[in-house]
Amino acid sequence: MSTTSKSIFSFLAGAATVVAAGAFLSSKNGKKVTRTVADRLQNIKRHTEDGLDSDWINELSDSAIHSAKNFRNKMKL
């Protein structure tokens, strides 16, 4: 297989993965998964705020929640 055909195959596989992920996340089960992940991140943030006063942990959880919301908006969920 030539390098060009490998690149095209890799691109098509990646595109198919993105389409499949988008279809799953827009389904009823996908929405449950995204809500569960977001809820767990918020619970982790809440517990770290209660138990530890480490700024870097709070920033990390804020960043993860923000990234999850951006991903959800980009996927139009």
N, C-alpha and C. Protein backbone atom coordinates (compact mmCIF):
# COMPACT_ATOMS: atom_id res chain seq x y z
N MET A 1 0.85 -1.17 0.00
CA MET A 1 0.00 0.00 0.00
C MET A 1 0.90 1.23 0.00
N SER A 2 0.60 2.16 -0.86
CA SER A 2 1.43 3.36 -0.94
C SER A 2 1.08 4.31 0.21
N THR A 3 1.94 5.27 0.38
CA THR A 3 1.75 6.25 1.46
C THR A 3 0.47 7.05 1.25
N THR A 4 0.18 7.40 0.00
CA THR A 4 -1.02 8.18 -0.30
C THR A 4 -2.28 7.39 0.04
N SER A 5 -2.31 6.14 -0.33
CA SER A 5 -3.51 5.35 -0.05
C SER A 5 -3.66 5.09 1.45
N LYS A 6 -2.53 4.97 2.17
CA LYS A 6 -2.61 4.83 3.63
C LYS A 6 -3.17 6.10 4.25
N SER A 7 -2.75 7.26 3.75
CA SER A 7 -3.24 8.54 4.26
C SER A 7 -4.73 8.69 4.00
N ILE A 8 -5.16 8.33 2.80
CA ILE A 8 -6.58 8.42 2.46
C ILE A 8 -7.39 7.47 3.34
N PHE A 9 -6.88 6.24 3.53
CA PHE A 9 -7.57 5.26 4.36
C PHE A 9 -7.66 5.76 5.81
N SER A 10 -6.58 6.34 6.32
CA SER A 10 -6.58 6.88 7.68
C SER A 10 -7.59 8.02 7.82
N PHE A 11 -7.64 8.88 6.83
CA PHE A 11 -8.59 9.99 6.85
C PHE A 11 -10.02 9.48 6.85
N LEU A 12 -10.31 8.52 5.97
CA LEU A 12 -11.67 7.98 5.89
C LEU A 12 -12.06 7.26 7.18
N ALA A 13 -11.12 6.54 7.78
CA ALA A 13 -11.40 5.86 9.04
C ALA A 13 -11.68 6.88 10.15
N GLY A 14 -10.90 7.95 10.19
CA GLY A 14 -11.13 9.01 11.17
C GLY A 14 -12.46 9.70 10.96
N ALA A 15 -12.79 9.99 9.71
CA ALA A 15 -14.06 10.64 9.41
C ALA A 15 -15.24 9.75 9.80
N ALA A 16 -15.11 8.44 9.51
CA ALA A 16 -16.18 7.51 9.88
C ALA A 16 -16.34 7.43 11.40
N THR A 17 -15.23 7.49 12.11
CA THR A 17 -15.27 7.47 13.58
C THR A 17 -15.98 8.71 14.11
N VAL A 18 -15.68 9.86 13.56
CA VAL A 18 -16.32 11.11 14.00
C VAL A 18 -17.82 11.07 13.72
N VAL A 19 -18.19 10.59 12.56
CA VAL A 19 -19.62 10.50 12.21
C VAL A 19 -20.33 9.52 13.14
N ALA A 20 -19.70 8.39 13.40
CA ALA A 20 -20.31 7.39 14.30
C ALA A 20 -20.43 7.94 15.72
N ALA A 21 -19.40 8.63 16.19
CA ALA A 21 -19.44 9.22 17.53
C ALA A 21 -20.53 10.28 17.61
N GLY A 22 -20.65 11.09 16.58
CA GLY A 22 -21.70 12.12 16.55
C GLY A 22 -23.08 11.51 16.56
N ALA A 23 -23.26 10.44 15.80
CA ALA A 23 -24.56 9.77 15.77
C ALA A 23 -24.88 9.15 17.12
N PHE A 24 -23.88 8.54 17.75
CA PHE A 24 -24.11 7.94 19.06
C PHE A 24 -24.42 9.01 20.10
N LEU A 25 -23.65 10.08 20.12
CA LEU A 25 -23.85 11.11 21.14
C LEU A 25 -25.15 11.87 20.96
N SER A 26 -25.70 11.88 19.75
CA SER A 26 -26.98 12.55 19.55
C SER A 26 -28.16 11.61 19.84
N SER A 27 -27.88 10.34 20.04
CA SER A 27 -28.94 9.39 20.37
C SER A 27 -29.32 9.51 21.84
N LYS A 28 -30.38 8.83 22.22
CA LYS A 28 -30.84 8.87 23.61
C LYS A 28 -29.78 8.33 24.56
N ASN A 29 -29.17 7.22 24.21
CA ASN A 29 -28.12 6.64 25.06
C ASN A 29 -26.89 7.53 25.11
N GLY A 30 -26.55 8.16 24.00
CA GLY A 30 -25.40 9.07 23.96
C GLY A 30 -25.61 10.27 24.85
N LYS A 31 -26.82 10.79 24.87
CA LYS A 31 -27.11 11.92 25.75
C LYS A 31 -27.01 11.53 27.20
N LYS A 32 -27.42 10.29 27.53
CA LYS A 32 -27.28 9.81 28.90
C LYS A 32 -25.80 9.71 29.28
N VAL A 33 -24.98 9.24 28.35
CA VAL A 33 -23.55 9.11 28.61
C VAL A 33 -22.92 10.48 28.85
N THR A 34 -23.25 11.45 28.00
CA THR A 34 -22.66 12.78 28.17
C THR A 34 -23.13 13.43 29.47
N ARG A 35 -24.39 13.23 29.84
CA ARG A 35 -24.88 13.77 31.11
C ARG A 35 -24.19 13.10 32.29
N THR A 36 -24.00 11.78 32.20
CA THR A 36 -23.33 11.05 33.28
C THR A 36 -21.90 11.54 33.45
N VAL A 37 -21.19 11.72 32.34
CA VAL A 37 -19.82 12.21 32.41
C VAL A 37 -19.78 13.62 33.01
N ALA A 38 -20.67 14.49 32.55
CA ALA A 38 -20.70 15.86 33.07
C ALA A 38 -21.05 15.86 34.56
N ASP A 39 -22.00 15.03 34.97
CA ASP A 39 -22.36 14.96 36.39
C ASP A 39 -21.20 14.46 37.24
N ARG A 40 -20.49 13.46 36.73
CA ARG A 40 -19.34 12.94 37.49
C ARG A 40 -18.25 13.98 37.62
N LEU A 41 -18.01 14.73 36.55
CA LEU A 41 -17.01 15.79 36.62
C LEU A 41 -17.42 16.85 37.64
N GLN A 42 -18.69 17.20 37.66
CA GLN A 42 -19.16 18.19 38.64
C GLN A 42 -19.06 17.64 40.06
N ASN A 43 -19.36 16.35 40.25
CA ASN A 43 -19.22 15.74 41.57
C ASN A 43 -17.76 15.72 42.02
N ILE A 44 -16.87 15.40 41.09
CA ILE A 44 -15.44 15.40 41.41
C ILE A 44 -15.01 16.80 41.82
N LYS A 45 -15.48 17.79 41.08
CA LYS A 45 -15.12 19.17 41.41
C LYS A 45 -15.66 19.54 42.78
N ARG A 46 -16.88 19.17 43.06
CA ARG A 46 -17.50 19.49 44.34
C ARG A 46 -16.73 18.83 45.49
N HIS A 47 -16.36 17.56 45.30
CA HIS A 47 -15.63 16.85 46.35
C HIS A 47 -14.22 17.41 46.54
N THR A 48 -13.58 17.82 45.45
CA THR A 48 -12.24 18.39 45.61
C THR A 48 -12.31 19.74 46.30
N GLU A 49 -13.37 20.50 46.02
CA GLU A 49 -13.52 21.78 46.71
C GLU A 49 -13.77 21.57 48.20
N ASP A 50 -14.52 20.53 48.56
CA ASP A 50 -14.80 20.24 49.96
C ASP A 50 -13.57 19.69 50.68
N GLY A 51 -12.85 18.77 50.03
CA GLY A 51 -11.76 18.07 50.69
C GLY A 51 -10.41 18.73 50.57
N LEU A 52 -10.13 19.33 49.45
CA LEU A 52 -8.82 19.92 49.20
C LEU A 52 -8.98 21.35 48.72
N ASP A 53 -7.99 22.14 49.03
CA ASP A 53 -8.00 23.51 48.53
C ASP A 53 -6.87 23.71 47.52
N SER A 54 -6.71 22.74 46.66
CA SER A 54 -5.67 22.82 45.64
C SER A 54 -6.23 23.53 44.42
N ASP A 55 -5.65 24.65 44.08
CA ASP A 55 -6.13 25.43 42.94
C ASP A 55 -5.98 24.67 41.63
N TRP A 56 -4.90 23.91 41.49
CA TRP A 56 -4.67 23.24 40.21
C TRP A 56 -5.72 22.17 39.95
N ILE A 57 -6.23 21.52 41.00
CA ILE A 57 -7.28 20.51 40.81
C ILE A 57 -8.58 21.20 40.37
N ASN A 58 -8.89 22.32 41.00
CA ASN A 58 -10.10 23.05 40.62
C ASN A 58 -10.02 23.57 39.19
N GLU A 59 -8.86 24.07 38.81
CA GLU A 59 -8.68 24.54 37.43
C GLU A 59 -8.79 23.39 36.44
N LEU A 60 -8.25 22.24 36.81
CA LEU A 60 -8.34 21.07 35.93
C LEU A 60 -9.78 20.64 35.75
N SER A 61 -10.55 20.59 36.82
CA SER A 61 -11.95 20.18 36.70
C SER A 61 -12.77 21.23 35.95
N ASP A 62 -12.48 22.51 36.19
CA ASP A 62 -13.16 23.57 35.43
C ASP A 62 -12.88 23.43 33.95
N SER A 63 -11.62 23.15 33.63
CA SER A 63 -11.23 23.00 32.23
C SER A 63 -11.92 21.79 31.61
N ALA A 64 -12.02 20.70 32.35
CA ALA A 64 -12.67 19.49 31.82
C ALA A 64 -14.15 19.73 31.59
N ILE A 65 -14.81 20.41 32.52
CA ILE A 65 -16.24 20.71 32.36
C ILE A 65 -16.44 21.65 31.18
N HIS A 66 -15.58 22.65 31.06
CA HIS A 66 -15.68 23.59 29.95
C HIS A 66 -15.46 22.87 28.62
N SER A 67 -14.49 21.96 28.58
CA SER A 67 -14.23 21.20 27.35
C SER A 67 -15.41 20.31 27.00
N ALA A 68 -16.01 19.69 28.01
CA ALA A 68 -17.17 18.83 27.75
C ALA A 68 -18.34 19.65 27.20
N LYS A 69 -18.56 20.84 27.76
CA LYS A 69 -19.63 21.70 27.26
C LYS A 69 -19.35 22.16 25.83
N ASN A 70 -18.10 22.51 25.54
CA ASN A 70 -17.75 22.92 24.18
C ASN A 70 -17.95 21.78 23.20
N PHE A 71 -17.54 20.56 23.59
CA PHE A 71 -17.71 19.41 22.74
C PHE A 71 -19.19 19.16 22.48
N ARG A 72 -19.99 19.28 23.52
CA ARG A 72 -21.43 19.07 23.38
C ARG A 72 -22.04 20.11 22.43
N ASN A 73 -21.61 21.37 22.55
CA ASN A 73 -22.11 22.42 21.66
C ASN A 73 -21.67 22.19 20.22
N LYS A 74 -20.42 21.77 20.03
CA LYS A 74 -19.92 21.54 18.67
C LYS A 74 -20.64 20.37 18.01
N MET A 75 -20.99 19.37 18.81
CA MET A 75 -21.70 18.21 18.27
C MET A 75 -23.20 18.49 18.19
N LYS A 76 -23.62 19.66 18.66
CA LYS A 76 -25.02 20.10 18.63
C LYS A 76 -25.94 19.12 19.37
N LEU A 77 -25.52 18.79 20.60
CA LEU A 77 -26.32 17.87 21.43
C LEU A 77 -27.21 18.65 22.36
